[in-house]
Amino acid sequence: MALHASGEDYLEAILVLHKKMGMVRSVDVARHMEVSKPSVCHAVATLRDRGFLTMDSDYFLHLTDVGREVAEQIYEKHRFFTERLIAAGVDPETAERDACRIEHVISEESFRRLKAVAEQKQ
């Protein structure tokens, strides 16, 4: 199931917030992403319908196995590119923004090869 970049961003945000706070609600995602609550509600409904997350009776969001897998992959790419850009001298704020764009467009093959080269150099 292909996702748009925005759907990947929502999954990544839920993952990051879950790691940080434990339990995540839509309002937490809205604050974190600096978007409106209606935008989050629409995204959550779409992601829920596509099997990437669930919402319990207390309105807490939970990633499904598939949702967690996608979120972890996106987050791994985000961290990788942010770290490399900062190491290259890019301002951390700019590195975060650029990494967020790169993580959505790079092919899995290219990412794995770049990661392997970086790991060999360490």
N, C-alpha and C. Protein backbone atom coordinates (compact mmCIF):
# COMPACT_ATOMS: atom_id res chain seq x y z
N MET A 1 0.83 -1.18 0.00
CA MET A 1 0.00 0.00 0.00
C MET A 1 0.87 1.25 0.00
N ALA A 2 0.84 1.97 -1.08
CA ALA A 2 1.63 3.19 -1.17
C ALA A 2 0.96 4.31 -0.37
N LEU A 3 1.77 5.11 0.25
CA LEU A 3 1.30 6.26 1.02
C LEU A 3 1.86 7.53 0.41
N HIS A 4 1.12 8.60 0.57
CA HIS A 4 1.66 9.91 0.22
C HIS A 4 2.62 10.33 1.31
N ALA A 5 3.45 11.31 1.00
CA ALA A 5 4.42 11.82 1.97
C ALA A 5 3.73 12.28 3.25
N SER A 6 2.57 12.92 3.12
CA SER A 6 1.88 13.41 4.32
C SER A 6 1.45 12.25 5.22
N GLY A 7 0.99 11.15 4.64
CA GLY A 7 0.62 9.99 5.44
C GLY A 7 1.82 9.41 6.16
N GLU A 8 2.95 9.37 5.47
CA GLU A 8 4.19 8.90 6.10
C GLU A 8 4.59 9.83 7.24
N ASP A 9 4.41 11.14 7.04
CA ASP A 9 4.74 12.11 8.10
C ASP A 9 3.88 11.89 9.34
N TYR A 10 2.60 11.61 9.14
CA TYR A 10 1.72 11.36 10.28
C TYR A 10 2.14 10.09 11.02
N LEU A 11 2.44 9.04 10.29
CA LEU A 11 2.88 7.80 10.94
C LEU A 11 4.17 8.02 11.71
N GLU A 12 5.10 8.74 11.12
CA GLU A 12 6.36 9.03 11.78
C GLU A 12 6.13 9.85 13.04
N ALA A 13 5.25 10.84 12.97
CA ALA A 13 4.95 11.68 14.13
C ALA A 13 4.34 10.86 15.26
N ILE A 14 3.44 9.96 14.92
CA ILE A 14 2.82 9.11 15.94
C ILE A 14 3.86 8.22 16.59
N LEU A 15 4.77 7.66 15.79
CA LEU A 15 5.84 6.83 16.32
C LEU A 15 6.73 7.63 17.28
N VAL A 16 7.16 8.80 16.85
CA VAL A 16 8.04 9.65 17.67
C VAL A 16 7.35 10.03 18.97
N LEU A 17 6.10 10.45 18.87
CA LEU A 17 5.35 10.83 20.08
C LEU A 17 5.13 9.64 21.00
N HIS A 18 4.87 8.48 20.43
CA HIS A 18 4.68 7.28 21.24
C HIS A 18 5.96 6.95 22.02
N LYS A 19 7.10 7.06 21.35
CA LYS A 19 8.38 6.79 22.01
C LYS A 19 8.62 7.80 23.14
N LYS A 20 8.17 9.03 22.92
CA LYS A 20 8.42 10.11 23.87
C LYS A 20 7.41 10.12 25.03
N MET A 21 6.12 9.89 24.70
CA MET A 21 5.05 10.07 25.68
C MET A 21 4.33 8.79 26.09
N GLY A 22 4.46 7.76 25.30
CA GLY A 22 3.75 6.53 25.61
C GLY A 22 2.40 6.45 24.92
N MET A 23 1.51 7.35 25.24
CA MET A 23 0.17 7.36 24.66
C MET A 23 0.02 8.62 23.81
N VAL A 24 -0.66 8.48 22.67
CA VAL A 24 -0.76 9.59 21.72
C VAL A 24 -2.21 9.80 21.31
N ARG A 25 -2.63 11.05 21.34
CA ARG A 25 -3.95 11.44 20.84
C ARG A 25 -3.76 12.36 19.64
N SER A 26 -4.83 12.56 18.91
CA SER A 26 -4.79 13.43 17.72
C SER A 26 -4.29 14.82 18.05
N VAL A 27 -4.69 15.36 19.19
CA VAL A 27 -4.27 16.72 19.57
C VAL A 27 -2.75 16.79 19.74
N ASP A 28 -2.15 15.70 20.23
CA ASP A 28 -0.69 15.65 20.37
C ASP A 28 -0.01 15.71 19.00
N VAL A 29 -0.59 15.00 18.05
CA VAL A 29 -0.05 14.98 16.69
C VAL A 29 -0.19 16.37 16.06
N ALA A 30 -1.33 17.01 16.28
CA ALA A 30 -1.56 18.35 15.73
C ALA A 30 -0.52 19.33 16.26
N ARG A 31 -0.27 19.29 17.56
CA ARG A 31 0.73 20.18 18.16
C ARG A 31 2.13 19.89 17.61
N HIS A 32 2.47 18.61 17.57
CA HIS A 32 3.81 18.20 17.12
C HIS A 32 4.08 18.62 15.68
N MET A 33 3.09 18.43 14.83
CA MET A 33 3.26 18.72 13.40
C MET A 33 2.89 20.15 13.03
N GLU A 34 2.33 20.87 14.00
CA GLU A 34 1.88 22.25 13.78
C GLU A 34 0.86 22.32 12.64
N VAL A 35 -0.15 21.45 12.75
CA VAL A 35 -1.26 21.43 11.81
C VAL A 35 -2.56 21.49 12.60
N SER A 36 -3.66 21.70 11.90
CA SER A 36 -4.95 21.80 12.58
C SER A 36 -5.47 20.43 13.01
N LYS A 37 -6.30 20.45 14.04
CA LYS A 37 -6.91 19.21 14.51
C LYS A 37 -7.76 18.55 13.42
N PRO A 38 -8.55 19.33 12.64
CA PRO A 38 -9.30 18.69 11.55
C PRO A 38 -8.40 17.99 10.52
N SER A 39 -7.22 18.55 10.25
CA SER A 39 -6.28 17.91 9.33
C SER A 39 -5.84 16.56 9.89
N VAL A 40 -5.56 16.53 11.18
CA VAL A 40 -5.14 15.28 11.83
C VAL A 40 -6.29 14.28 11.80
N CYS A 41 -7.50 14.74 12.10
CA CYS A 41 -8.66 13.84 12.10
C CYS A 41 -8.87 13.20 10.73
N HIS A 42 -8.71 13.99 9.69
CA HIS A 42 -8.86 13.45 8.32
C HIS A 42 -7.76 12.42 8.04
N ALA A 43 -6.52 12.77 8.39
CA ALA A 43 -5.39 11.85 8.16
C ALA A 43 -5.56 10.57 8.96
N VAL A 44 -5.97 10.70 10.21
CA VAL A 44 -6.16 9.53 11.07
C VAL A 44 -7.23 8.61 10.48
N ALA A 45 -8.32 9.19 10.02
CA ALA A 45 -9.39 8.38 9.42
C ALA A 45 -8.88 7.62 8.20
N THR A 46 -8.12 8.30 7.37
CA THR A 46 -7.57 7.67 6.16
C THR A 46 -6.60 6.56 6.54
N LEU A 47 -5.70 6.84 7.46
CA LEU A 47 -4.71 5.84 7.87
C LEU A 47 -5.37 4.66 8.58
N ARG A 48 -6.40 4.93 9.35
CA ARG A 48 -7.14 3.85 10.02
C ARG A 48 -7.84 2.97 8.98
N ASP A 49 -8.50 3.60 8.02
CA ASP A 49 -9.21 2.85 6.98
C ASP A 49 -8.27 2.00 6.14
N ARG A 50 -7.02 2.44 6.02
CA ARG A 50 -6.04 1.70 5.22
C ARG A 50 -5.23 0.71 6.04
N GLY A 51 -5.54 0.60 7.34
CA GLY A 51 -4.92 -0.43 8.17
C GLY A 51 -3.59 -0.06 8.81
N PHE A 52 -3.26 1.23 8.85
CA PHE A 52 -1.98 1.64 9.41
C PHE A 52 -2.05 1.99 10.90
N LEU A 53 -3.24 2.30 11.38
CA LEU A 53 -3.37 2.60 12.80
C LEU A 53 -4.78 2.29 13.28
N THR A 54 -4.91 2.25 14.59
CA THR A 54 -6.21 2.08 15.22
C THR A 54 -6.38 3.18 16.26
N MET A 55 -7.63 3.37 16.68
CA MET A 55 -7.92 4.31 17.75
C MET A 55 -8.77 3.57 18.77
N ASP A 56 -8.36 3.62 20.03
CA ASP A 56 -9.11 2.91 21.04
C ASP A 56 -10.28 3.75 21.56
N SER A 57 -11.03 3.21 22.51
CA SER A 57 -12.23 3.89 23.02
C SER A 57 -11.91 5.18 23.77
N ASP A 58 -10.67 5.35 24.19
CA ASP A 58 -10.24 6.59 24.84
C ASP A 58 -9.58 7.56 23.86
N TYR A 59 -9.68 7.26 22.57
CA TYR A 59 -9.16 8.09 21.48
C TYR A 59 -7.64 8.14 21.40
N PHE A 60 -6.98 7.14 21.96
CA PHE A 60 -5.53 7.04 21.81
C PHE A 60 -5.23 6.33 20.50
N LEU A 61 -4.19 6.80 19.83
CA LEU A 61 -3.80 6.23 18.53
C LEU A 61 -2.75 5.14 18.74
N HIS A 62 -2.88 4.07 17.99
CA HIS A 62 -1.95 2.94 18.06
C HIS A 62 -1.59 2.52 16.64
N LEU A 63 -0.31 2.42 16.36
CA LEU A 63 0.12 1.94 15.05
C LEU A 63 -0.11 0.43 14.96
N THR A 64 -0.59 -0.02 13.82
CA THR A 64 -0.67 -1.46 13.58
C THR A 64 0.74 -1.95 13.25
N ASP A 65 0.91 -3.23 13.10
CA ASP A 65 2.22 -3.76 12.74
C ASP A 65 2.72 -3.14 11.43
N VAL A 66 1.83 -3.05 10.46
CA VAL A 66 2.19 -2.46 9.16
C VAL A 66 2.50 -0.98 9.34
N GLY A 67 1.69 -0.28 10.11
CA GLY A 67 1.92 1.14 10.35
C GLY A 67 3.23 1.40 11.06
N ARG A 68 3.54 0.55 12.04
CA ARG A 68 4.81 0.70 12.77
C ARG A 68 6.00 0.45 11.83
N GLU A 69 5.88 -0.56 10.99
CA GLU A 69 6.96 -0.87 10.05
C GLU A 69 7.24 0.31 9.12
N VAL A 70 6.19 0.89 8.56
CA VAL A 70 6.35 2.05 7.67
C VAL A 70 6.94 3.21 8.45
N ALA A 71 6.42 3.48 9.64
CA ALA A 71 6.89 4.60 10.46
C ALA A 71 8.37 4.43 10.83
N GLU A 72 8.76 3.23 11.20
CA GLU A 72 10.16 2.96 11.56
C GLU A 72 11.08 3.19 10.36
N GLN A 73 10.65 2.76 9.18
CA GLN A 73 11.47 2.96 7.97
C GLN A 73 11.64 4.44 7.66
N ILE A 74 10.57 5.19 7.75
CA ILE A 74 10.64 6.62 7.48
C ILE A 74 11.50 7.31 8.53
N TYR A 75 11.31 6.95 9.78
CA TYR A 75 12.08 7.57 10.87
C TYR A 75 13.57 7.24 10.75
N GLU A 76 13.88 6.02 10.33
CA GLU A 76 15.28 5.65 10.13
C GLU A 76 15.91 6.54 9.05
N LYS A 77 15.21 6.73 7.95
CA LYS A 77 15.72 7.58 6.88
C LYS A 77 15.88 9.02 7.38
N HIS A 78 14.90 9.49 8.10
CA HIS A 78 14.93 10.86 8.62
C HIS A 78 16.16 11.08 9.50
N ARG A 79 16.38 10.18 10.43
CA ARG A 79 17.54 10.30 11.33
C ARG A 79 18.84 10.22 10.53
N PHE A 80 18.92 9.27 9.60
CA PHE A 80 20.13 9.08 8.80
C PHE A 80 20.49 10.37 8.05
N PHE A 81 19.52 10.93 7.32
CA PHE A 81 19.81 12.11 6.53
C PHE A 81 20.04 13.35 7.39
N THR A 82 19.31 13.47 8.47
CA THR A 82 19.54 14.60 9.37
C THR A 82 20.96 14.56 9.91
N GLU A 83 21.39 13.41 10.39
CA GLU A 83 22.75 13.27 10.94
C GLU A 83 23.81 13.57 9.89
N ARG A 84 23.63 13.06 8.68
CA ARG A 84 24.63 13.27 7.63
C ARG A 84 24.70 14.74 7.21
N LEU A 85 23.55 15.38 7.12
CA LEU A 85 23.53 16.79 6.73
C LEU A 85 24.16 17.67 7.80
N ILE A 86 23.88 17.39 9.06
CA ILE A 86 24.49 18.16 10.14
C ILE A 86 26.00 17.93 10.15
N ALA A 87 26.42 16.68 9.95
CA ALA A 87 27.85 16.37 9.91
C ALA A 87 28.55 17.10 8.75
N ALA A 88 27.80 17.37 7.69
CA ALA A 88 28.36 18.08 6.53
C ALA A 88 28.36 19.60 6.74
N GLY A 89 27.85 20.04 7.89
CA GLY A 89 27.88 21.46 8.20
C GLY A 89 26.58 22.20 7.97
N VAL A 90 25.52 21.49 7.65
CA VAL A 90 24.22 22.13 7.43
C VAL A 90 23.62 22.49 8.80
N ASP A 91 23.01 23.66 8.87
CA ASP A 91 22.33 24.10 10.08
C ASP A 91 21.31 23.02 10.49
N PRO A 92 21.24 22.67 11.78
CA PRO A 92 20.34 21.59 12.22
C PRO A 92 18.88 21.78 11.80
N GLU A 93 18.38 23.00 11.85
CA GLU A 93 16.99 23.24 11.46
C GLU A 93 16.79 22.97 9.97
N THR A 94 17.72 23.42 9.16
CA THR A 94 17.67 23.17 7.71
C THR A 94 17.84 21.68 7.43
N ALA A 95 18.75 21.04 8.15
CA ALA A 95 18.97 19.60 7.98
C ALA A 95 17.69 18.81 8.27
N GLU A 96 16.97 19.18 9.32
CA GLU A 96 15.69 18.51 9.65
C GLU A 96 14.69 18.65 8.51
N ARG A 97 14.54 19.87 8.01
CA ARG A 97 13.58 20.11 6.92
C ARG A 97 13.97 19.35 5.66
N ASP A 98 15.26 19.40 5.31
CA ASP A 98 15.71 18.71 4.10
C ASP A 98 15.59 17.20 4.23
N ALA A 99 15.94 16.68 5.40
CA ALA A 99 15.83 15.23 5.63
C ALA A 99 14.38 14.78 5.48
N CYS A 100 13.46 15.61 5.93
CA CYS A 100 12.04 15.27 5.82
C CYS A 100 11.61 15.16 4.36
N ARG A 101 12.20 15.96 3.50
CA ARG A 101 11.89 15.87 2.07
C ARG A 101 12.56 14.65 1.44
N ILE A 102 13.83 14.47 1.75
CA ILE A 102 14.61 13.38 1.16
C ILE A 102 14.02 12.02 1.50
N GLU A 103 13.59 11.85 2.75
CA GLU A 103 13.10 10.54 3.21
C GLU A 103 11.94 10.02 2.38
N HIS A 104 11.20 10.91 1.74
CA HIS A 104 10.02 10.49 0.98
C HIS A 104 10.32 10.16 -0.48
N VAL A 105 11.42 10.68 -1.00
CA VAL A 105 11.66 10.52 -2.44
C VAL A 105 12.75 9.52 -2.78
N ILE A 106 13.60 9.20 -1.83
CA ILE A 106 14.71 8.30 -2.12
C ILE A 106 14.20 6.86 -2.24
N SER A 107 14.74 6.13 -3.20
CA SER A 107 14.34 4.73 -3.35
C SER A 107 14.94 3.91 -2.21
N GLU A 108 14.32 2.79 -1.97
CA GLU A 108 14.83 1.90 -0.91
C GLU A 108 16.23 1.40 -1.26
N GLU A 109 16.46 1.09 -2.52
CA GLU A 109 17.78 0.63 -2.95
C GLU A 109 18.86 1.69 -2.70
N SER A 110 18.59 2.91 -3.11
CA SER A 110 19.57 3.99 -2.90
C SER A 110 19.84 4.21 -1.42
N PHE A 111 18.78 4.20 -0.62
CA PHE A 111 18.97 4.41 0.82
C PHE A 111 19.82 3.30 1.42
N ARG A 112 19.53 2.06 1.10
CA ARG A 112 20.28 0.92 1.66
C ARG A 112 21.76 1.01 1.26
N ARG A 113 22.02 1.39 0.02
CA ARG A 113 23.41 1.50 -0.43
C ARG A 113 24.15 2.64 0.27
N LEU A 114 23.48 3.78 0.42
CA LEU A 114 24.09 4.90 1.15
C LEU A 114 24.36 4.52 2.61
N LYS A 115 23.41 3.84 3.20
CA LYS A 115 23.55 3.41 4.60
C LYS A 115 24.72 2.42 4.74
N ALA A 116 24.83 1.50 3.80
CA ALA A 116 25.91 0.52 3.84
C ALA A 116 27.27 1.20 3.72
N VAL A 117 27.37 2.17 2.83
CA VAL A 117 28.63 2.91 2.68
C VAL A 117 28.96 3.67 3.95
N ALA A 118 27.98 4.30 4.54
CA ALA A 118 28.20 5.05 5.79
C ALA A 118 28.65 4.12 6.93
N GLU A 119 28.06 2.93 6.98
CA GLU A 119 28.42 1.97 8.03
C GLU A 119 29.84 1.44 7.82
N GLN A 120 30.26 1.29 6.57
CA GLN A 120 31.63 0.82 6.29
C GLN A 120 32.66 1.84 6.73
N LYS A 121 32.33 3.11 6.63
CA LYS A 121 33.25 4.19 6.99
C LYS A 121 33.41 4.35 8.51
N GLN A 122 32.47 3.80 9.27
CA GLN A 122 32.52 3.96 10.72
C GLN A 122 33.43 2.99 11.38
